[in-house]
Amino acid sequence: MNPIIALLKENNISDEQINEIFLTLTQNPLAAMTTISQLGLPQDKLQALMAQVMQNPVLIKEAVEQLGLDFTKVEEAKAKLNQ
């Protein structure tokens, strides 16, 4: 299982919330960071999760594919951030 999804599930984040987070990540990564920070995760888990999301886009791609979402939206969002 994808480590980002696993960490969220370990902290009792519902499948629906996980899908929403990754959908938001594909559309607006900055908004997703805000959403993730509001999940009530312990600080150490939150920092680990944020580090994975920020530093390892391959994990995001894998999670998006695992959840059946459209990764092209992730690429579009990343391009917007780089402008």
PDB file of N, CA and C in Angstrom:
ATOM      1  N   MET A   1       0.853  -1.178   0.000  1.00  0.00           N
ATOM      2  CA  MET A   1       0.000   0.000   0.000  1.00  0.00           C
ATOM      3  C   MET A   1       0.899   1.242   0.000  1.00  0.00           C
ATOM      4  N   ASN A   2       0.425   2.254  -0.641  1.00  0.00           N
ATOM      5  CA  ASN A   2       1.139   3.525  -0.714  1.00  0.00           C
ATOM      6  C   ASN A   2       1.355   4.056   0.708  1.00  0.00           C
ATOM      7  N   PRO A   3       2.591   4.507   1.039  1.00  0.00           N
ATOM      8  CA  PRO A   3       2.856   4.953   2.415  1.00  0.00           C
ATOM      9  C   PRO A   3       2.049   6.184   2.844  1.00  0.00           C
ATOM     10  N   ILE A   4       1.696   7.043   1.905  1.00  0.00           N
ATOM     11  CA  ILE A   4       0.874   8.208   2.264  1.00  0.00           C
ATOM     12  C   ILE A   4      -0.521   7.743   2.655  1.00  0.00           C
ATOM     13  N   ILE A   5      -1.100   6.877   1.844  1.00  0.00           N
ATOM     14  CA  ILE A   5      -2.435   6.338   2.153  1.00  0.00           C
ATOM     15  C   ILE A   5      -2.391   5.537   3.449  1.00  0.00           C
ATOM     16  N   ALA A   6      -1.337   4.723   3.622  1.00  0.00           N
ATOM     17  CA  ALA A   6      -1.203   3.915   4.842  1.00  0.00           C
ATOM     18  C   ALA A   6      -1.162   4.797   6.084  1.00  0.00           C
ATOM     19  N   LEU A   7      -0.393   5.877   6.030  1.00  0.00           N
ATOM     20  CA  LEU A   7      -0.289   6.779   7.183  1.00  0.00           C
ATOM     21  C   LEU A   7      -1.645   7.407   7.494  1.00  0.00           C
ATOM     22  N   LEU A   8      -2.363   7.806   6.456  1.00  0.00           N
ATOM     23  CA  LEU A   8      -3.687   8.393   6.676  1.00  0.00           C
ATOM     24  C   LEU A   8      -4.640   7.376   7.301  1.00  0.00           C
ATOM     25  N   LYS A   9      -4.626   6.133   6.777  1.00  0.00           N
ATOM     26  CA  LYS A   9      -5.515   5.095   7.314  1.00  0.00           C
ATOM     27  C   LYS A   9      -5.157   4.746   8.757  1.00  0.00           C
ATOM     28  N   GLU A  10      -3.841   4.717   9.069  1.00  0.00           N
ATOM     29  CA  GLU A  10      -3.402   4.426  10.436  1.00  0.00           C
ATOM     30  C   GLU A  10      -3.939   5.452  11.424  1.00  0.00           C
ATOM     31  N   ASN A  11      -4.204   6.649  10.929  1.00  0.00           N
ATOM     32  CA  ASN A  11      -4.696   7.724  11.790  1.00  0.00           C
ATOM     33  C   ASN A  11      -6.195   7.935  11.636  1.00  0.00           C
ATOM     34  N   ASN A  12      -6.880   6.877  11.229  1.00  0.00           N
ATOM     35  CA  ASN A  12      -8.340   6.840  11.152  1.00  0.00           C
ATOM     36  C   ASN A  12      -8.941   7.884  10.221  1.00  0.00           C
ATOM     37  N   ILE A  13      -8.247   8.169   9.117  1.00  0.00           N
ATOM     38  CA  ILE A  13      -8.795   9.044   8.092  1.00  0.00           C
ATOM     39  C   ILE A  13      -9.611   8.167   7.149  1.00  0.00           C
ATOM     40  N   SER A  14     -10.841   8.551   6.899  1.00  0.00           N
ATOM     41  CA  SER A  14     -11.738   7.717   6.106  1.00  0.00           C
ATOM     42  C   SER A  14     -11.315   7.674   4.637  1.00  0.00           C
ATOM     43  N   ASP A  15     -11.767   6.626   3.950  1.00  0.00           N
ATOM     44  CA  ASP A  15     -11.483   6.499   2.517  1.00  0.00           C
ATOM     45  C   ASP A  15     -12.009   7.704   1.758  1.00  0.00           C
ATOM     46  N   GLU A  16     -13.165   8.193   2.162  1.00  0.00           N
ATOM     47  CA  GLU A  16     -13.753   9.362   1.502  1.00  0.00           C
ATOM     48  C   GLU A  16     -12.849  10.584   1.655  1.00  0.00           C
ATOM     49  N   GLN A  17     -12.340  10.795   2.873  1.00  0.00           N
ATOM     50  CA  GLN A  17     -11.439  11.926   3.101  1.00  0.00           C
ATOM     51  C   GLN A  17     -10.137  11.760   2.311  1.00  0.00           C
ATOM     52  N   ILE A  18      -9.629  10.538   2.246  1.00  0.00           N
ATOM     53  CA  ILE A  18      -8.395  10.273   1.490  1.00  0.00           C
ATOM     54  C   ILE A  18      -8.611  10.604   0.027  1.00  0.00           C
ATOM     55  N   ASN A  19      -9.730  10.165  -0.528  1.00  0.00           N
ATOM     56  CA  ASN A  19     -10.032  10.486  -1.927  1.00  0.00           C
ATOM     57  C   ASN A  19     -10.125  11.997  -2.133  1.00  0.00           C
ATOM     58  N   GLU A  20     -10.767  12.683  -1.205  1.00  0.00           N
ATOM     59  CA  GLU A  20     -10.897  14.145  -1.309  1.00  0.00           C
ATOM     60  C   GLU A  20      -9.533  14.816  -1.268  1.00  0.00           C
ATOM     61  N   ILE A  21      -8.649  14.334  -0.383  1.00  0.00           N
ATOM     62  CA  ILE A  21      -7.309  14.919  -0.272  1.00  0.00           C
ATOM     63  C   ILE A  21      -6.562  14.779  -1.591  1.00  0.00           C
ATOM     64  N   PHE A  22      -6.600  13.585  -2.163  1.00  0.00           N
ATOM     65  CA  PHE A  22      -5.851  13.384  -3.403  1.00  0.00           C
ATOM     66  C   PHE A  22      -6.513  14.075  -4.586  1.00  0.00           C
ATOM     67  N   LEU A  23      -7.815  14.189  -4.563  1.00  0.00           N
ATOM     68  CA  LEU A  23      -8.494  14.960  -5.594  1.00  0.00           C
ATOM     69  C   LEU A  23      -8.079  16.425  -5.491  1.00  0.00           C
ATOM     70  N   THR A  24      -8.031  16.943  -4.266  1.00  0.00           N
ATOM     71  CA  THR A  24      -7.581  18.320  -4.062  1.00  0.00           C
ATOM     72  C   THR A  24      -6.119  18.468  -4.457  1.00  0.00           C
ATOM     73  N   LEU A  25      -5.301  17.465  -4.136  1.00  0.00           N
ATOM     74  CA  LEU A  25      -3.889  17.503  -4.521  1.00  0.00           C
ATOM     75  C   LEU A  25      -3.732  17.611  -6.031  1.00  0.00           C
ATOM     76  N   THR A  26      -4.610  16.948  -6.776  1.00  0.00           N
ATOM     77  CA  THR A  26      -4.509  16.993  -8.231  1.00  0.00           C
ATOM     78  C   THR A  26      -4.966  18.328  -8.793  1.00  0.00           C
ATOM     79  N   GLN A  27      -5.807  19.025  -8.050  1.00  0.00           N
ATOM     80  CA  GLN A  27      -6.351  20.279  -8.558  1.00  0.00           C
ATOM     81  C   GLN A  27      -5.645  21.498  -7.986  1.00  0.00           C
ATOM     82  N   ASN A  28      -5.298  21.440  -6.705  1.00  0.00           N
ATOM     83  CA  ASN A  28      -4.686  22.593  -6.044  1.00  0.00           C
ATOM     84  C   ASN A  28      -3.825  22.104  -4.883  1.00  0.00           C
ATOM     85  N   PRO A  29      -2.548  21.826  -5.148  1.00  0.00           N
ATOM     86  CA  PRO A  29      -1.680  21.252  -4.104  1.00  0.00           C
ATOM     87  C   PRO A  29      -1.596  22.096  -2.828  1.00  0.00           C
ATOM     88  N   LEU A  30      -1.624  23.400  -2.953  1.00  0.00           N
ATOM     89  CA  LEU A  30      -1.550  24.238  -1.754  1.00  0.00           C
ATOM     90  C   LEU A  30      -2.792  24.079  -0.884  1.00  0.00           C
ATOM     91  N   ALA A  31      -3.947  23.978  -1.507  1.00  0.00           N
ATOM     92  CA  ALA A  31      -5.183  23.742  -0.756  1.00  0.00           C
ATOM     93  C   ALA A  31      -5.143  22.372  -0.079  1.00  0.00           C
ATOM     94  N   ALA A  32      -4.544  21.408  -0.752  1.00  0.00           N
ATOM     95  CA  ALA A  32      -4.432  20.073  -0.165  1.00  0.00           C
ATOM     96  C   ALA A  32      -3.571  20.104   1.092  1.00  0.00           C
ATOM     97  N   MET A  33      -2.511  20.900   1.078  1.00  0.00           N
ATOM     98  CA  MET A  33      -1.659  21.015   2.266  1.00  0.00           C
ATOM     99  C   MET A  33      -2.460  21.578   3.440  1.00  0.00           C
ATOM    100  N   THR A  34      -3.304  22.551   3.168  1.00  0.00           N
ATOM    101  CA  THR A  34      -4.155  23.111   4.217  1.00  0.00           C
ATOM    102  C   THR A  34      -5.103  22.039   4.740  1.00  0.00           C
ATOM    103  N   THR A  35      -5.711  21.288   3.830  1.00  0.00           N
ATOM    104  CA  THR A  35      -6.637  20.224   4.211  1.00  0.00           C
ATOM    105  C   THR A  35      -5.936  19.183   5.070  1.00  0.00           C
ATOM    106  N   ILE A  36      -4.736  18.778   4.645  1.00  0.00           N
ATOM    107  CA  ILE A  36      -3.977  17.775   5.398  1.00  0.00           C
ATOM    108  C   ILE A  36      -3.649  18.290   6.793  1.00  0.00           C
ATOM    109  N   SER A  37      -3.279  19.548   6.886  1.00  0.00           N
ATOM    110  CA  SER A  37      -2.906  20.099   8.194  1.00  0.00           C
ATOM    111  C   SER A  37      -4.096  20.188   9.146  1.00  0.00           C
ATOM    112  N   GLN A  38      -5.308  20.147   8.622  1.00  0.00           N
ATOM    113  CA  GLN A  38      -6.508  20.250   9.449  1.00  0.00           C
ATOM    114  C   GLN A  38      -7.107  18.888   9.823  1.00  0.00           C
ATOM    115  N   LEU A  39      -6.405  17.806   9.512  1.00  0.00           N
ATOM    116  CA  LEU A  39      -6.930  16.475   9.795  1.00  0.00           C
ATOM    117  C   LEU A  39      -6.803  16.064  11.266  1.00  0.00           C
ATOM    118  N   GLY A  40      -6.043  16.821  12.031  1.00  0.00           N
ATOM    119  CA  GLY A  40      -5.861  16.485  13.437  1.00  0.00           C
ATOM    120  C   GLY A  40      -4.828  15.398  13.671  1.00  0.00           C
ATOM    121  N   LEU A  41      -3.902  15.226  12.730  1.00  0.00           N
ATOM    122  CA  LEU A  41      -2.846  14.235  12.906  1.00  0.00           C
ATOM    123  C   LEU A  41      -1.859  14.709  13.967  1.00  0.00           C
ATOM    124  N   PRO A  42      -1.247  13.766  14.707  1.00  0.00           N
ATOM    125  CA  PRO A  42      -0.187  14.170  15.638  1.00  0.00           C
ATOM    126  C   PRO A  42       0.928  14.888  14.870  1.00  0.00           C
ATOM    127  N   GLN A  43       1.594  15.826  15.505  1.00  0.00           N
ATOM    128  CA  GLN A  43       2.576  16.671  14.830  1.00  0.00           C
ATOM    129  C   GLN A  43       3.655  15.861  14.111  1.00  0.00           C
ATOM    130  N   ASP A  44       4.158  14.794  14.745  1.00  0.00           N
ATOM    131  CA  ASP A  44       5.211  14.010  14.101  1.00  0.00           C
ATOM    132  C   ASP A  44       4.693  13.310  12.844  1.00  0.00           C
ATOM    133  N   LYS A  45       3.477  12.815  12.889  1.00  0.00           N
ATOM    134  CA  LYS A  45       2.874  12.154  11.718  1.00  0.00           C
ATOM    135  C   LYS A  45       2.594  13.176  10.621  1.00  0.00           C
ATOM    136  N   LEU A  46       2.119  14.350  11.019  1.00  0.00           N
ATOM    137  CA  LEU A  46       1.829  15.410  10.060  1.00  0.00           C
ATOM    138  C   LEU A  46       3.102  15.836   9.331  1.00  0.00           C
ATOM    139  N   GLN A  47       4.190  16.013  10.076  1.00  0.00           N
ATOM    140  CA  GLN A  47       5.453  16.406   9.449  1.00  0.00           C
ATOM    141  C   GLN A  47       5.945  15.336   8.486  1.00  0.00           C
ATOM    142  N   ALA A  48       5.834  14.071   8.874  1.00  0.00           N
ATOM    143  CA  ALA A  48       6.262  12.974   8.000  1.00  0.00           C
ATOM    144  C   ALA A  48       5.418  12.940   6.731  1.00  0.00           C
ATOM    145  N   LEU A  49       4.127  13.130   6.891  1.00  0.00           N
ATOM    146  CA  LEU A  49       3.219  13.117   5.742  1.00  0.00           C
ATOM    147  C   LEU A  49       3.513  14.282   4.800  1.00  0.00           C
ATOM    148  N   MET A  50       3.668  15.467   5.353  1.00  0.00           N
ATOM    149  CA  MET A  50       3.961  16.644   4.533  1.00  0.00           C
ATOM    150  C   MET A  50       5.280  16.460   3.784  1.00  0.00           C
ATOM    151  N   ALA A  51       6.277  15.896   4.458  1.00  0.00           N
ATOM    152  CA  ALA A  51       7.569  15.668   3.809  1.00  0.00           C
ATOM    153  C   ALA A  51       7.415  14.717   2.635  1.00  0.00           C
ATOM    154  N   GLN A  52       6.653  13.645   2.813  1.00  0.00           N
ATOM    155  CA  GLN A  52       6.444  12.696   1.720  1.00  0.00           C
ATOM    156  C   GLN A  52       5.713  13.344   0.551  1.00  0.00           C
ATOM    157  N   VAL A  53       4.692  14.115   0.860  1.00  0.00           N
ATOM    158  CA  VAL A  53       3.909  14.767  -0.192  1.00  0.00           C
ATOM    159  C   VAL A  53       4.766  15.771  -0.965  1.00  0.00           C
ATOM    160  N   MET A  54       5.577  16.537  -0.250  1.00  0.00           N
ATOM    161  CA  MET A  54       6.370  17.592  -0.885  1.00  0.00           C
ATOM    162  C   MET A  54       7.587  17.044  -1.633  1.00  0.00           C
ATOM    163  N   GLN A  55       8.208  16.012  -1.105  1.00  0.00           N
ATOM    164  CA  GLN A  55       9.485  15.566  -1.634  1.00  0.00           C
ATOM    165  C   GLN A  55       9.413  14.374  -2.565  1.00  0.00           C
ATOM    166  N   ASN A  56       8.289  13.705  -2.632  1.00  0.00           N
ATOM    167  CA  ASN A  56       8.239  12.479  -3.417  1.00  0.00           C
ATOM    168  C   ASN A  56       6.990  12.418  -4.278  1.00  0.00           C
ATOM    169  N   PRO A  57       6.992  13.132  -5.410  1.00  0.00           N
ATOM    170  CA  PRO A  57       5.799  13.139  -6.271  1.00  0.00           C
ATOM    171  C   PRO A  57       5.437  11.758  -6.821  1.00  0.00           C
ATOM    172  N   VAL A  58       6.395  10.843  -6.851  1.00  0.00           N
ATOM    173  CA  VAL A  58       6.093   9.482  -7.315  1.00  0.00           C
ATOM    174  C   VAL A  58       5.063   8.833  -6.396  1.00  0.00           C
ATOM    175  N   LEU A  59       5.174   9.096  -5.092  1.00  0.00           N
ATOM    176  CA  LEU A  59       4.199   8.543  -4.153  1.00  0.00           C
ATOM    177  C   LEU A  59       2.807   9.108  -4.408  1.00  0.00           C
ATOM    178  N   ILE A  60       2.745  10.372  -4.770  1.00  0.00           N
ATOM    179  CA  ILE A  60       1.448  10.971  -5.089  1.00  0.00           C
ATOM    180  C   ILE A  60       0.876  10.306  -6.327  1.00  0.00           C
ATOM    181  N   LYS A  61       1.717  10.124  -7.342  1.00  0.00           N
ATOM    182  CA  LYS A  61       1.251   9.469  -8.566  1.00  0.00           C
ATOM    183  C   LYS A  61       0.730   8.066  -8.263  1.00  0.00           C
ATOM    184  N   GLU A  62       1.488   7.306  -7.471  1.00  0.00           N
ATOM    185  CA  GLU A  62       1.060   5.947  -7.117  1.00  0.00           C
ATOM    186  C   GLU A  62      -0.269   5.966  -6.365  1.00  0.00           C
ATOM    187  N   ALA A  63      -0.403   6.887  -5.432  1.00  0.00           N
ATOM    188  CA  ALA A  63      -1.642   6.975  -4.647  1.00  0.00           C
ATOM    189  C   ALA A  63      -2.815   7.348  -5.542  1.00  0.00           C
ATOM    190  N   VAL A  64      -2.597   8.308  -6.432  1.00  0.00           N
ATOM    191  CA  VAL A  64      -3.662   8.731  -7.352  1.00  0.00           C
ATOM    192  C   VAL A  64      -4.107   7.553  -8.205  1.00  0.00           C
ATOM    193  N   GLU A  65      -3.135   6.790  -8.702  1.00  0.00           N
ATOM    194  CA  GLU A  65      -3.479   5.623  -9.513  1.00  0.00           C
ATOM    195  C   GLU A  65      -4.191   4.562  -8.678  1.00  0.00           C
ATOM    196  N   GLN A  66      -3.710   4.332  -7.458  1.00  0.00           N
ATOM    197  CA  GLN A  66      -4.324   3.346  -6.574  1.00  0.00           C
ATOM    198  C   GLN A  66      -5.775   3.719  -6.270  1.00  0.00           C
ATOM    199  N   LEU A  67      -6.028   5.024  -6.157  1.00  0.00           N
ATOM    200  CA  LEU A  67      -7.381   5.491  -5.853  1.00  0.00           C
ATOM    201  C   LEU A  67      -8.255   5.623  -7.097  1.00  0.00           C
ATOM    202  N   GLY A  68      -7.641   5.424  -8.272  1.00  0.00           N
ATOM    203  CA  GLY A  68      -8.403   5.514  -9.516  1.00  0.00           C
ATOM    204  C   GLY A  68      -8.673   6.936  -9.968  1.00  0.00           C
ATOM    205  N   LEU A  69      -7.818   7.886  -9.558  1.00  0.00           N
ATOM    206  CA  LEU A  69      -7.980   9.279  -9.972  1.00  0.00           C
ATOM    207  C   LEU A  69      -7.125   9.548 -11.204  1.00  0.00           C
ATOM    208  N   ASP A  70      -7.231  10.726 -11.773  1.00  0.00           N
ATOM    209  CA  ASP A  70      -6.554  11.103 -13.010  1.00  0.00           C
ATOM    210  C   ASP A  70      -5.246  11.822 -12.719  1.00  0.00           C
ATOM    211  N   PHE A  71      -4.097  11.168 -13.019  1.00  0.00           N
ATOM    212  CA  PHE A  71      -2.802  11.761 -12.710  1.00  0.00           C
ATOM    213  C   PHE A  71      -2.471  12.944 -13.601  1.00  0.00           C
ATOM    214  N   THR A  72      -3.091  13.064 -14.757  1.00  0.00           N
ATOM    215  CA  THR A  72      -2.802  14.218 -15.618  1.00  0.00           C
ATOM    216  C   THR A  72      -3.147  15.514 -14.898  1.00  0.00           C
ATOM    217  N   LYS A  73      -4.121  15.466 -13.994  1.00  0.00           N
ATOM    218  CA  LYS A  73      -4.477  16.644 -13.202  1.00  0.00           C
ATOM    219  C   LYS A  73      -3.338  17.019 -12.250  1.00  0.00           C
ATOM    220  N   VAL A  74      -2.624  16.012 -11.745  1.00  0.00           N
ATOM    221  CA  VAL A  74      -1.471  16.278 -10.888  1.00  0.00           C
ATOM    222  C   VAL A  74      -0.403  17.009 -11.688  1.00  0.00           C
ATOM    223  N   GLU A  75      -0.155  16.539 -12.896  1.00  0.00           N
ATOM    224  CA  GLU A  75       0.851  17.170 -13.741  1.00  0.00           C
ATOM    225  C   GLU A  75       0.461  18.619 -14.059  1.00  0.00           C
ATOM    226  N   GLU A  76      -0.810  18.852 -14.328  1.00  0.00           N
ATOM    227  CA  GLU A  76      -1.278  20.212 -14.603  1.00  0.00           C
ATOM    228  C   GLU A  76      -1.089  21.110 -13.384  1.00  0.00           C
ATOM    229  N   ALA A  77      -1.416  20.592 -12.208  1.00  0.00           N
ATOM    230  CA  ALA A  77      -1.266  21.364 -10.972  1.00  0.00           C
ATOM    231  C   ALA A  77       0.209  21.687 -10.714  1.00  0.00           C
ATOM    232  N   LYS A  78       1.071  20.717 -10.960  1.00  0.00           N
ATOM    233  CA  LYS A  78       2.501  20.922 -10.751  1.00  0.00           C
ATOM    234  C   LYS A  78       3.016  22.001 -11.701  1.00  0.00           C
ATOM    235  N   ALA A  79       2.549  21.984 -12.942  1.00  0.00           N
ATOM    236  CA  ALA A  79       2.959  22.997 -13.920  1.00  0.00           C
ATOM    237  C   ALA A  79       2.506  24.383 -13.477  1.00  0.00           C
ATOM    238  N   LYS A  80       1.320  24.482 -12.912  1.00  0.00           N
ATOM    239  CA  LYS A  80       0.826  25.769 -12.426  1.00  0.00           C
ATOM    240  C   LYS A  80       1.703  26.311 -11.307  1.00  0.00           C
ATOM    241  N   LEU A  81       2.159  25.412 -10.435  1.00  0.00           N
ATOM    242  CA  LEU A  81       3.016  25.832  -9.325  1.00  0.00           C
ATOM    243  C   LEU A  81       4.370  26.327  -9.827  1.00  0.00           C
ATOM    244  N   ASN A  82       4.838  25.761 -10.908  1.00  0.00           N
ATOM    245  CA  ASN A  82       6.157  26.112 -11.424  1.00  0.00           C
ATOM    246  C   ASN A  82       6.148  27.386 -12.280  1.00  0.00           C
ATOM    247  N   GLN A  83       4.984  27.947 -12.516  1.00  0.00           N
ATOM    248  CA  GLN A  83       4.901  29.148 -13.349  1.00  0.00           C
ATOM    249  C   GLN A  83       5.266  30.384 -12.556  1.00  0.00           C
TER     250      GLN A  83
END
